[in-house]
Amino acid sequence: MVEELNMTPKSTEIQKRYLRPAGVRLGLGPIGSHTFRHTYRSWLDETGAPMKVQQELMRHASIQTTMNVYGQAMSSSKREANGKVVEMVLKPLKASA
């Protein structure tokens, strides 16, 4: 399985001929193998997997790489977190009204 993931000339050609143009046509921009790594990391985060587990699954030597390079939160998670903060702030105001 690991050999299948290595970037061979054929897989690079597939990216150039199919993946990148498909991403552009879909309005996603040019996509490649690294796009899938970013997606995988986002999904790991959504599952609540501990950061150390994510680092090991991504095979990063440094946890900073996992957090900083691949650490883009999904919009739904950002909305949910923001909603919880707003609710915390507004709850005392609602109680006193």
Foldseek 3Di string as FASTA:
>chain_A
DVVVPDDDVVQVVCLVPPQQVVCVVVVNHRDHPVVVVLVVLQVCVVVVPDLVVSCVVSVPPDSCCSCPVSNDHDPVVVVVVVVVVVCVVCVVVVVVD
